[in-house]
Amino acid sequence: MKNNPARNQPKEQDLAFYIRVQYRQNASMQGTIQWMDGRKSSVFRSALELGHLINEALKEAAEKRGESLETQGWEKKQIVS
């Protein structure tokens, strides 16, 4: 099976991060997150804060593409039984 280098390349809309966990304490983690395009770097103090930083980056990328990044509310979710 051939290795397709184009397949491994990030697409224009893909976001890539370098996450460095420096400490794990009190069931959480602290560290830094760096956007691979080099435009930004930030410190996070918890896994929740890391999640918020990634979510903000996704929203910014969607806005730049002219898309809306809406999350479904509970009332829109399908119930599977």
N, C-alpha and C. Protein backbone atom coordinates (compact mmCIF):
# COMPACT_ATOMS: atom_id res chain seq x y z
N MET A 1 0.84 -1.17 0.00
CA MET A 1 0.00 0.00 0.00
C MET A 1 0.89 1.24 0.00
N LYS A 2 0.65 2.14 -0.95
CA LYS A 2 1.46 3.35 -1.06
C LYS A 2 1.05 4.37 -0.02
N ASN A 3 2.03 5.13 0.43
CA ASN A 3 1.77 6.21 1.36
C ASN A 3 1.50 7.47 0.56
N ASN A 4 0.32 8.02 0.67
CA ASN A 4 -0.06 9.22 -0.06
C ASN A 4 0.25 10.43 0.80
N PRO A 5 1.30 11.23 0.46
CA PRO A 5 1.66 12.37 1.29
C PRO A 5 0.57 13.44 1.33
N ALA A 6 -0.21 13.59 0.27
CA ALA A 6 -1.27 14.59 0.27
C ALA A 6 -2.36 14.24 1.29
N ARG A 7 -2.51 12.96 1.55
CA ARG A 7 -3.53 12.52 2.51
C ARG A 7 -3.19 12.95 3.93
N ASN A 8 -1.90 13.04 4.24
CA ASN A 8 -1.47 13.39 5.58
C ASN A 8 -1.35 14.89 5.80
N GLN A 9 -1.45 15.67 4.73
CA GLN A 9 -1.34 17.11 4.85
C GLN A 9 -2.64 17.70 5.39
N PRO A 10 -2.54 18.67 6.32
CA PRO A 10 -3.77 19.27 6.82
C PRO A 10 -4.45 20.07 5.71
N LYS A 11 -5.76 20.00 5.69
CA LYS A 11 -6.53 20.77 4.74
C LYS A 11 -6.58 22.22 5.20
N GLU A 12 -7.00 23.10 4.30
CA GLU A 12 -7.05 24.52 4.61
C GLU A 12 -7.94 24.80 5.81
N GLN A 13 -9.05 24.07 5.95
CA GLN A 13 -9.97 24.32 7.04
C GLN A 13 -9.58 23.60 8.32
N ASP A 14 -8.62 22.69 8.25
CA ASP A 14 -8.20 21.96 9.44
C ASP A 14 -7.38 22.86 10.36
N LEU A 15 -7.55 22.65 11.64
CA LEU A 15 -6.75 23.34 12.63
C LEU A 15 -5.81 22.34 13.28
N ALA A 16 -4.60 22.77 13.52
CA ALA A 16 -3.63 21.89 14.17
C ALA A 16 -3.04 22.64 15.36
N PHE A 17 -2.88 21.92 16.45
CA PHE A 17 -2.36 22.52 17.67
C PHE A 17 -1.20 21.67 18.20
N TYR A 18 -0.29 22.35 18.88
CA TYR A 18 0.75 21.67 19.64
C TYR A 18 0.40 21.91 21.10
N ILE A 19 0.06 20.85 21.82
CA ILE A 19 -0.35 20.98 23.22
C ILE A 19 0.75 20.38 24.09
N ARG A 20 1.24 21.18 25.00
CA ARG A 20 2.29 20.73 25.92
C ARG A 20 1.74 20.76 27.34
N VAL A 21 1.56 19.60 27.91
CA VAL A 21 1.09 19.49 29.30
C VAL A 21 2.33 19.58 30.19
N GLN A 22 2.35 20.58 31.05
CA GLN A 22 3.50 20.78 31.93
C GLN A 22 3.28 20.17 33.31
N TYR A 23 2.05 20.23 33.79
CA TYR A 23 1.74 19.68 35.11
C TYR A 23 0.40 18.97 35.08
N ARG A 24 0.29 17.93 35.85
CA ARG A 24 -0.98 17.27 36.11
C ARG A 24 -1.16 17.31 37.62
N GLN A 25 -2.23 17.98 38.04
CA GLN A 25 -2.44 18.13 39.47
C GLN A 25 -3.93 18.29 39.74
N ASN A 26 -4.41 17.71 40.82
CA ASN A 26 -5.82 17.80 41.22
C ASN A 26 -6.76 17.37 40.10
N ALA A 27 -6.47 16.26 39.48
CA ALA A 27 -7.30 15.67 38.42
C ALA A 27 -7.47 16.60 37.23
N SER A 28 -6.52 17.48 37.00
CA SER A 28 -6.57 18.35 35.83
C SER A 28 -5.15 18.52 35.29
N MET A 29 -4.99 19.40 34.32
CA MET A 29 -3.67 19.60 33.75
C MET A 29 -3.47 21.07 33.41
N GLN A 30 -2.23 21.47 33.42
CA GLN A 30 -1.85 22.82 33.07
C GLN A 30 -0.77 22.74 32.01
N GLY A 31 -0.75 23.72 31.12
CA GLY A 31 0.27 23.71 30.08
C GLY A 31 0.07 24.82 29.07
N THR A 32 0.56 24.61 27.86
CA THR A 32 0.44 25.59 26.80
C THR A 32 -0.13 24.95 25.55
N ILE A 33 -0.81 25.76 24.77
CA ILE A 33 -1.32 25.34 23.47
C ILE A 33 -0.81 26.34 22.45
N GLN A 34 -0.31 25.81 21.35
CA GLN A 34 0.22 26.67 20.29
C GLN A 34 -0.45 26.28 18.98
N TRP A 35 -0.96 27.26 18.27
CA TRP A 35 -1.53 27.02 16.96
C TRP A 35 -0.37 26.75 16.01
N MET A 36 -0.48 25.68 15.22
CA MET A 36 0.63 25.27 14.37
C MET A 36 0.92 26.26 13.24
N ASP A 37 -0.04 27.10 12.90
CA ASP A 37 0.25 28.12 11.90
C ASP A 37 1.07 29.26 12.50
N GLY A 38 1.34 29.19 13.81
CA GLY A 38 2.23 30.13 14.47
C GLY A 38 1.61 31.46 14.84
N ARG A 39 0.31 31.59 14.65
CA ARG A 39 -0.29 32.89 14.88
C ARG A 39 -0.59 33.17 16.35
N LYS A 40 -0.64 32.12 17.18
CA LYS A 40 -1.06 32.33 18.56
C LYS A 40 -0.53 31.23 19.46
N SER A 41 -0.34 31.60 20.72
CA SER A 41 0.04 30.65 21.75
C SER A 41 -0.65 31.11 23.03
N SER A 42 -1.08 30.15 23.84
CA SER A 42 -1.80 30.50 25.05
C SER A 42 -1.52 29.49 26.15
N VAL A 43 -1.67 29.93 27.37
CA VAL A 43 -1.50 29.08 28.55
C VAL A 43 -2.88 28.63 29.01
N PHE A 44 -3.01 27.37 29.41
CA PHE A 44 -4.27 26.90 29.98
C PHE A 44 -3.99 26.35 31.38
N ARG A 45 -5.00 26.51 32.25
CA ARG A 45 -4.85 26.08 33.64
C ARG A 45 -5.71 24.89 33.99
N SER A 46 -6.51 24.41 33.03
CA SER A 46 -7.34 23.23 33.28
C SER A 46 -7.75 22.62 31.96
N ALA A 47 -8.23 21.40 32.01
CA ALA A 47 -8.70 20.74 30.79
C ALA A 47 -9.92 21.48 30.24
N LEU A 48 -10.74 22.01 31.11
CA LEU A 48 -11.90 22.77 30.68
C LEU A 48 -11.48 24.03 29.91
N GLU A 49 -10.49 24.73 30.43
CA GLU A 49 -9.99 25.93 29.75
C GLU A 49 -9.36 25.57 28.41
N LEU A 50 -8.67 24.45 28.33
CA LEU A 50 -8.12 23.97 27.07
C LEU A 50 -9.24 23.74 26.06
N GLY A 51 -10.32 23.12 26.50
CA GLY A 51 -11.47 22.89 25.64
C GLY A 51 -12.06 24.19 25.12
N HIS A 52 -12.15 25.19 25.99
CA HIS A 52 -12.68 26.48 25.57
C HIS A 52 -11.77 27.15 24.53
N LEU A 53 -10.46 27.05 24.71
CA LEU A 53 -9.53 27.63 23.75
C LEU A 53 -9.66 26.98 22.37
N ILE A 54 -9.80 25.67 22.35
CA ILE A 54 -9.96 24.96 21.08
C ILE A 54 -11.30 25.32 20.45
N ASN A 55 -12.35 25.42 21.26
CA ASN A 55 -13.66 25.79 20.74
C ASN A 55 -13.64 27.20 20.14
N GLU A 56 -12.97 28.14 20.79
CA GLU A 56 -12.84 29.50 20.26
C GLU A 56 -12.12 29.48 18.91
N ALA A 57 -11.07 28.67 18.81
CA ALA A 57 -10.32 28.59 17.56
C ALA A 57 -11.21 28.04 16.44
N LEU A 58 -12.04 27.04 16.75
CA LEU A 58 -12.96 26.49 15.76
C LEU A 58 -13.98 27.53 15.31
N LYS A 59 -14.49 28.31 16.25
CA LYS A 59 -15.44 29.36 15.91
C LYS A 59 -14.80 30.42 15.01
N GLU A 60 -13.58 30.85 15.36
CA GLU A 60 -12.88 31.84 14.55
C GLU A 60 -12.63 31.33 13.13
N ALA A 61 -12.22 30.08 13.01
CA ALA A 61 -11.97 29.50 11.69
C ALA A 61 -13.25 29.42 10.87
N ALA A 62 -14.36 29.07 11.52
CA ALA A 62 -15.64 29.00 10.82
C ALA A 62 -16.09 30.38 10.35
N GLU A 63 -15.89 31.39 11.21
CA GLU A 63 -16.26 32.76 10.83
C GLU A 63 -15.43 33.26 9.65
N LYS A 64 -14.16 32.92 9.63
CA LYS A 64 -13.30 33.33 8.52
C LYS A 64 -13.76 32.71 7.21
N ARG A 65 -14.31 31.50 7.28
CA ARG A 65 -14.82 30.83 6.08
C ARG A 65 -16.24 31.26 5.76
N GLY A 66 -16.83 32.09 6.61
CA GLY A 66 -18.19 32.55 6.39
C GLY A 66 -19.23 31.54 6.79
N GLU A 67 -18.87 30.60 7.64
CA GLU A 67 -19.79 29.58 8.09
C GLU A 67 -20.23 29.88 9.51
N SER A 68 -21.28 29.22 9.92
CA SER A 68 -21.76 29.35 11.28
C SER A 68 -21.50 28.04 12.00
N LEU A 69 -20.88 28.13 13.16
CA LEU A 69 -20.60 26.93 13.95
C LEU A 69 -21.63 26.87 15.07
N GLU A 70 -22.78 26.30 14.75
CA GLU A 70 -23.85 26.21 15.73
C GLU A 70 -23.82 24.84 16.38
N THR A 71 -24.10 24.84 17.65
CA THR A 71 -24.24 23.56 18.34
C THR A 71 -25.71 23.26 18.47
N GLN A 72 -26.04 22.01 18.40
CA GLN A 72 -27.44 21.62 18.53
C GLN A 72 -27.85 21.71 19.99
N GLY A 73 -29.04 22.24 20.21
CA GLY A 73 -29.60 22.26 21.55
C GLY A 73 -30.17 20.90 21.88
N TRP A 74 -30.51 20.70 23.12
CA TRP A 74 -31.06 19.41 23.54
C TRP A 74 -32.36 19.10 22.83
N GLU A 75 -33.14 20.16 22.55
CA GLU A 75 -34.43 19.93 21.90
C GLU A 75 -34.27 19.46 20.45
N LYS A 76 -33.12 19.68 19.82
CA LYS A 76 -32.89 19.28 18.44
C LYS A 76 -32.28 17.88 18.32
N LYS A 77 -31.84 17.33 19.42
CA LYS A 77 -31.21 16.01 19.39
C LYS A 77 -32.24 14.92 19.19
N GLN A 78 -31.86 13.91 18.45
CA GLN A 78 -32.75 12.78 18.26
C GLN A 78 -32.62 11.82 19.45
N ILE A 79 -33.73 11.28 19.83
CA ILE A 79 -33.72 10.32 20.93
C ILE A 79 -33.63 8.92 20.32
N VAL A 80 -32.63 8.20 20.74
CA VAL A 80 -32.42 6.83 20.24
C VAL A 80 -32.78 5.87 21.36
N SER A 81 -33.67 4.95 21.04
CA SER A 81 -34.05 3.99 22.08
C SER A 81 -33.75 2.58 21.67
